Amino acid sequence: MVQQADCMTRAWTTAKVMAAAGVPIGFFRAHVTLKDLTLAEKMQRYQNFKRTAKIMANPMFTFAACGFAFAAADCSMQNYLGRDSTLNGLVGGIAAGSVLGLKTNSAFNAVKYSALFGAGMIVADFLGTTVPELVGGDMRQMDPSVLSKKAEAQ
């Protein structure tokens, strides 16, 4: 069983990783938004820096909030149930989807994204348990270097 302090540490770590994952998306959004500026507007570096930072911060915080919600809900369900199961990922996916949906100020979007993320986590859990059984229990066996060594040994 995972301790609650460990859950919070895991949630904050996931939030930091997800914020870093949101940087490229924010950079792309800033590039698209700022590409039509005139030369005079481009010369105002500080204003452009502030504008770019605001545009980039939005996806970073969204990704961080979704990651935090997922990790906290997943870990809390693991504590509650006392085991790792598909339900943990489902609840985590619902939490992440609701954060994303509520960011749009729409309850319909919150339900829609929760269902989508929850279903995605069920599929990911199913594939995570089914595929290793099909390849013999260890995904590292699919590594080309391991396969070539097995072929040489035979």
C-alpha atoms as a PDB file:
ATOM      1  CA  MET A   1       0.000   0.000   0.000  1.00  0.00           C
ATOM      2  CA  VAL A   2       1.303   3.436  -0.936  1.00  0.00           C
ATOM      3  CA  GLN A   3       1.393   6.102   1.782  1.00  0.00           C
ATOM      4  CA  GLN A   4      -0.518   9.341   1.236  1.00  0.00           C
ATOM      5  CA  ALA A   5       2.708  11.404   1.379  1.00  0.00           C
ATOM      6  CA  ASP A   6       4.082   9.230  -1.413  1.00  0.00           C
ATOM      7  CA  CYS A   7       0.921   9.893  -3.424  1.00  0.00           C
ATOM      8  CA  MET A   8       1.413  13.638  -3.156  1.00  0.00           C
ATOM      9  CA  THR A   9       5.081  13.330  -4.094  1.00  0.00           C
ATOM     10  CA  ARG A  10       4.119  11.198  -7.090  1.00  0.00           C
ATOM     11  CA  ALA A  11       1.385  13.660  -8.080  1.00  0.00           C
ATOM     12  CA  TRP A  12       3.754  16.665  -7.898  1.00  0.00           C
ATOM     13  CA  THR A  13       6.408  14.793  -9.876  1.00  0.00           C
ATOM     14  CA  THR A  14       3.848  13.893 -12.530  1.00  0.00           C
ATOM     15  CA  ALA A  15       2.656  17.509 -12.626  1.00  0.00           C
ATOM     16  CA  LYS A  16       6.217  18.727 -13.216  1.00  0.00           C
ATOM     17  CA  VAL A  17       6.801  16.216 -16.000  1.00  0.00           C
ATOM     18  CA  MET A  18       3.490  17.094 -17.638  1.00  0.00           C
ATOM     19  CA  ALA A  19       4.270  20.815 -17.407  1.00  0.00           C
ATOM     20  CA  ALA A  20       7.530  20.137 -19.221  1.00  0.00           C
ATOM     21  CA  ALA A  21       5.577  18.140 -21.810  1.00  0.00           C
ATOM     22  CA  GLY A  22       3.324  21.168 -22.340  1.00  0.00           C
ATOM     23  CA  VAL A  23       6.246  23.439 -23.284  1.00  0.00           C
ATOM     24  CA  PRO A  24       6.454  22.363 -26.958  1.00  0.00           C
ATOM     25  CA  ILE A  25       2.720  22.802 -27.375  1.00  0.00           C
ATOM     26  CA  GLY A  26       2.885  26.247 -25.796  1.00  0.00           C
ATOM     27  CA  PHE A  27       5.840  27.161 -27.998  1.00  0.00           C
ATOM     28  CA  PHE A  28       3.931  26.097 -31.107  1.00  0.00           C
ATOM     29  CA  ARG A  29       0.846  28.078 -30.034  1.00  0.00           C
ATOM     30  CA  ALA A  30       3.021  31.133 -29.383  1.00  0.00           C
ATOM     31  CA  HIS A  31       4.668  30.780 -32.776  1.00  0.00           C
ATOM     32  CA  VAL A  32       1.319  30.555 -34.561  1.00  0.00           C
ATOM     33  CA  THR A  33      -0.110  33.465 -32.581  1.00  0.00           C
ATOM     34  CA  LEU A  34       2.866  35.802 -33.004  1.00  0.00           C
ATOM     35  CA  LYS A  35       3.875  35.042 -36.605  1.00  0.00           C
ATOM     36  CA  ASP A  36       1.739  37.802 -38.122  1.00  0.00           C
ATOM     37  CA  LEU A  37       3.281  40.677 -36.173  1.00  0.00           C
ATOM     38  CA  THR A  38       4.658  43.667 -38.032  1.00  0.00           C
ATOM     39  CA  LEU A  39       8.345  44.515 -37.862  1.00  0.00           C
ATOM     40  CA  ALA A  40       7.688  47.369 -35.420  1.00  0.00           C
ATOM     41  CA  GLU A  41       5.797  44.984 -33.116  1.00  0.00           C
ATOM     42  CA  LYS A  42       8.569  42.401 -33.356  1.00  0.00           C
ATOM     43  CA  MET A  43      11.140  45.000 -32.277  1.00  0.00           C
ATOM     44  CA  GLN A  44       9.441  45.378 -28.896  1.00  0.00           C
ATOM     45  CA  ARG A  45      11.190  42.377 -27.367  1.00  0.00           C
ATOM     46  CA  TYR A  46       9.947  42.720 -23.810  1.00  0.00           C
ATOM     47  CA  GLN A  47       6.315  42.949 -24.900  1.00  0.00           C
ATOM     48  CA  ASN A  48       6.748  39.904 -27.136  1.00  0.00           C
ATOM     49  CA  PHE A  49       8.478  38.013 -24.345  1.00  0.00           C
ATOM     50  CA  LYS A  50       5.577  38.689 -21.979  1.00  0.00           C
ATOM     51  CA  ARG A  51       3.032  37.756 -24.646  1.00  0.00           C
ATOM     52  CA  THR A  52       4.912  34.546 -25.505  1.00  0.00           C
ATOM     53  CA  ALA A  53       5.193  33.601 -21.836  1.00  0.00           C
ATOM     54  CA  LYS A  54       1.446  34.053 -21.341  1.00  0.00           C
ATOM     55  CA  ILE A  55       0.647  31.938 -24.387  1.00  0.00           C
ATOM     56  CA  MET A  56       3.098  29.202 -23.362  1.00  0.00           C
ATOM     57  CA  ALA A  57       1.924  29.112 -19.745  1.00  0.00           C
ATOM     58  CA  ASN A  58      -1.620  28.069 -20.626  1.00  0.00           C
ATOM     59  CA  PRO A  59      -0.839  24.548 -21.941  1.00  0.00           C
ATOM     60  CA  MET A  60       1.881  24.070 -19.336  1.00  0.00           C
ATOM     61  CA  PHE A  61      -0.533  24.646 -16.458  1.00  0.00           C
ATOM     62  CA  THR A  62      -3.252  22.586 -18.143  1.00  0.00           C
ATOM     63  CA  PHE A  63      -0.927  19.620 -18.616  1.00  0.00           C
ATOM     64  CA  ALA A  64       0.382  19.985 -15.051  1.00  0.00           C
ATOM     65  CA  ALA A  65      -3.137  20.090 -13.584  1.00  0.00           C
ATOM     66  CA  CYS A  66      -4.228  17.034 -15.583  1.00  0.00           C
ATOM     67  CA  GLY A  67      -1.097  15.126 -14.579  1.00  0.00           C
ATOM     68  CA  PHE A  68      -1.542  16.034 -10.933  1.00  0.00           C
ATOM     69  CA  ALA A  69      -5.214  15.030 -10.964  1.00  0.00           C
ATOM     70  CA  PHE A  70      -4.448  11.728 -12.674  1.00  0.00           C
ATOM     71  CA  ALA A  71      -1.582  10.753 -10.373  1.00  0.00           C
ATOM     72  CA  ALA A  72      -3.403  11.810  -7.198  1.00  0.00           C
ATOM     73  CA  ALA A  73      -6.613   9.950  -8.119  1.00  0.00           C
ATOM     74  CA  ASP A  74      -4.732   6.864  -9.310  1.00  0.00           C
ATOM     75  CA  CYS A  75      -2.631   6.672  -6.155  1.00  0.00           C
ATOM     76  CA  SER A  76      -5.598   7.390  -3.866  1.00  0.00           C
ATOM     77  CA  MET A  77      -7.601   4.594  -5.480  1.00  0.00           C
ATOM     78  CA  GLN A  78      -4.642   2.265  -5.082  1.00  0.00           C
ATOM     79  CA  ASN A  79      -4.579   3.154  -1.366  1.00  0.00           C
ATOM     80  CA  TYR A  80      -8.323   2.687  -1.033  1.00  0.00           C
ATOM     81  CA  LEU A  81      -8.479  -0.654  -2.853  1.00  0.00           C
ATOM     82  CA  GLY A  82      -5.161  -1.939  -1.550  1.00  0.00           C
ATOM     83  CA  ARG A  83      -4.116  -3.218  -4.973  1.00  0.00           C
ATOM     84  CA  ASP A  84      -3.269  -2.064  -8.463  1.00  0.00           C
ATOM     85  CA  SER A  85      -6.251  -2.570 -10.755  1.00  0.00           C
ATOM     86  CA  THR A  86      -7.931  -1.212 -13.861  1.00  0.00           C
ATOM     87  CA  LEU A  87     -10.220   0.879 -11.675  1.00  0.00           C
ATOM     88  CA  ASN A  88      -7.249   2.973 -10.519  1.00  0.00           C
ATOM     89  CA  GLY A  89      -6.430   4.067 -14.068  1.00  0.00           C
ATOM     90  CA  LEU A  90     -10.104   4.602 -14.863  1.00  0.00           C
ATOM     91  CA  VAL A  91     -10.572   6.956 -11.907  1.00  0.00           C
ATOM     92  CA  GLY A  92      -7.303   8.729 -12.747  1.00  0.00           C
ATOM     93  CA  GLY A  93      -8.416   9.175 -16.358  1.00  0.00           C
ATOM     94  CA  ILE A  94     -11.777  10.529 -15.238  1.00  0.00           C
ATOM     95  CA  ALA A  95     -10.024  13.019 -12.933  1.00  0.00           C
ATOM     96  CA  ALA A  96      -7.668  14.202 -15.694  1.00  0.00           C
ATOM     97  CA  GLY A  97     -10.527  14.475 -18.182  1.00  0.00           C
ATOM     98  CA  SER A  98     -12.659  16.466 -15.767  1.00  0.00           C
ATOM     99  CA  VAL A  99      -9.831  18.963 -15.198  1.00  0.00           C
ATOM    100  CA  LEU A 100      -9.452  19.407 -18.937  1.00  0.00           C
ATOM    101  CA  GLY A 101     -13.206  19.698 -19.434  1.00  0.00           C
ATOM    102  CA  LEU A 102     -13.735  22.147 -16.589  1.00  0.00           C
ATOM    103  CA  LYS A 103     -11.001  24.360 -18.022  1.00  0.00           C
ATOM    104  CA  THR A 104     -13.419  25.058 -20.875  1.00  0.00           C
ATOM    105  CA  ASN A 105     -16.154  26.078 -18.371  1.00  0.00           C
ATOM    106  CA  SER A 106     -18.486  23.425 -19.711  1.00  0.00           C
ATOM    107  CA  ALA A 107     -19.948  20.534 -17.744  1.00  0.00           C
ATOM    108  CA  PHE A 108     -20.666  18.718 -21.008  1.00  0.00           C
ATOM    109  CA  ASN A 109     -16.996  18.915 -21.997  1.00  0.00           C
ATOM    110  CA  ALA A 110     -15.973  17.721 -18.546  1.00  0.00           C
ATOM    111  CA  VAL A 111     -18.155  14.620 -18.902  1.00  0.00           C
ATOM    112  CA  LYS A 112     -17.001  14.087 -22.499  1.00  0.00           C
ATOM    113  CA  TYR A 113     -13.281  14.324 -21.681  1.00  0.00           C
ATOM    114  CA  SER A 114     -13.710  12.237 -18.531  1.00  0.00           C
ATOM    115  CA  ALA A 115     -15.326   9.447 -20.542  1.00  0.00           C
ATOM    116  CA  LEU A 116     -12.671   9.712 -23.244  1.00  0.00           C
ATOM    117  CA  PHE A 117      -9.711   9.662 -20.842  1.00  0.00           C
ATOM    118  CA  GLY A 118     -11.278   6.936 -18.692  1.00  0.00           C
ATOM    119  CA  ALA A 119     -11.858   4.750 -21.748  1.00  0.00           C
ATOM    120  CA  GLY A 120      -8.303   5.436 -22.886  1.00  0.00           C
ATOM    121  CA  MET A 121      -6.960   4.263 -19.550  1.00  0.00           C
ATOM    122  CA  ILE A 122      -9.029   1.065 -19.738  1.00  0.00           C
ATOM    123  CA  VAL A 123      -7.600   0.355 -23.199  1.00  0.00           C
ATOM    124  CA  ALA A 124      -4.059   1.139 -21.997  1.00  0.00           C
ATOM    125  CA  ASP A 125      -4.474  -1.172 -19.010  1.00  0.00           C
ATOM    126  CA  PHE A 126      -5.910  -3.924 -21.201  1.00  0.00           C
ATOM    127  CA  LEU A 127      -3.012  -3.675 -23.642  1.00  0.00           C
ATOM    128  CA  GLY A 128      -0.525  -3.470 -20.777  1.00  0.00           C
ATOM    129  CA  THR A 129      -1.744  -6.791 -19.408  1.00  0.00           C
ATOM    130  CA  THR A 130      -2.562  -8.602 -22.667  1.00  0.00           C
ATOM    131  CA  VAL A 131       0.468  -7.843 -24.839  1.00  0.00           C
ATOM    132  CA  PRO A 132       3.094  -9.084 -22.337  1.00  0.00           C
ATOM    133  CA  GLU A 133       1.187 -12.353 -22.061  1.00  0.00           C
ATOM    134  CA  LEU A 134       1.256 -12.726 -25.845  1.00  0.00           C
ATOM    135  CA  VAL A 135       5.032 -12.199 -26.077  1.00  0.00           C
ATOM    136  CA  GLY A 136       5.875 -14.425 -23.154  1.00  0.00           C
ATOM    137  CA  GLY A 137       5.621 -12.140 -20.145  1.00  0.00           C
ATOM    138  CA  ASP A 138       8.494  -9.711 -20.697  1.00  0.00           C
ATOM    139  CA  MET A 139       8.279  -6.780 -23.103  1.00  0.00           C
ATOM    140  CA  ARG A 140      12.088  -6.556 -23.186  1.00  0.00           C
ATOM    141  CA  GLN A 141      12.039  -9.752 -25.238  1.00  0.00           C
ATOM    142  CA  MET A 142      10.832  -7.644 -28.167  1.00  0.00           C
ATOM    143  CA  ASP A 143      14.107  -5.676 -28.190  1.00  0.00           C
ATOM    144  CA  PRO A 144      15.971  -6.440 -31.468  1.00  0.00           C
ATOM    145  CA  SER A 145      19.255  -7.036 -29.651  1.00  0.00           C
ATOM    146  CA  VAL A 146      17.634  -9.656 -27.413  1.00  0.00           C
ATOM    147  CA  LEU A 147      15.929 -11.312 -30.382  1.00  0.00           C
ATOM    148  CA  SER A 148      19.219 -11.502 -32.329  1.00  0.00           C
ATOM    149  CA  LYS A 149      20.996 -13.054 -29.310  1.00  0.00           C
ATOM    150  CA  LYS A 150      18.231 -15.672 -29.023  1.00  0.00           C
ATOM    151  CA  ALA A 151      18.573 -16.463 -32.729  1.00  0.00           C
ATOM    152  CA  GLU A 152      22.365 -16.865 -32.386  1.00  0.00           C
ATOM    153  CA  ALA A 153      21.948 -19.139 -29.353  1.00  0.00           C
ATOM    154  CA  GLN A 154      19.666 -21.480 -31.283  1.00  0.00           C
END
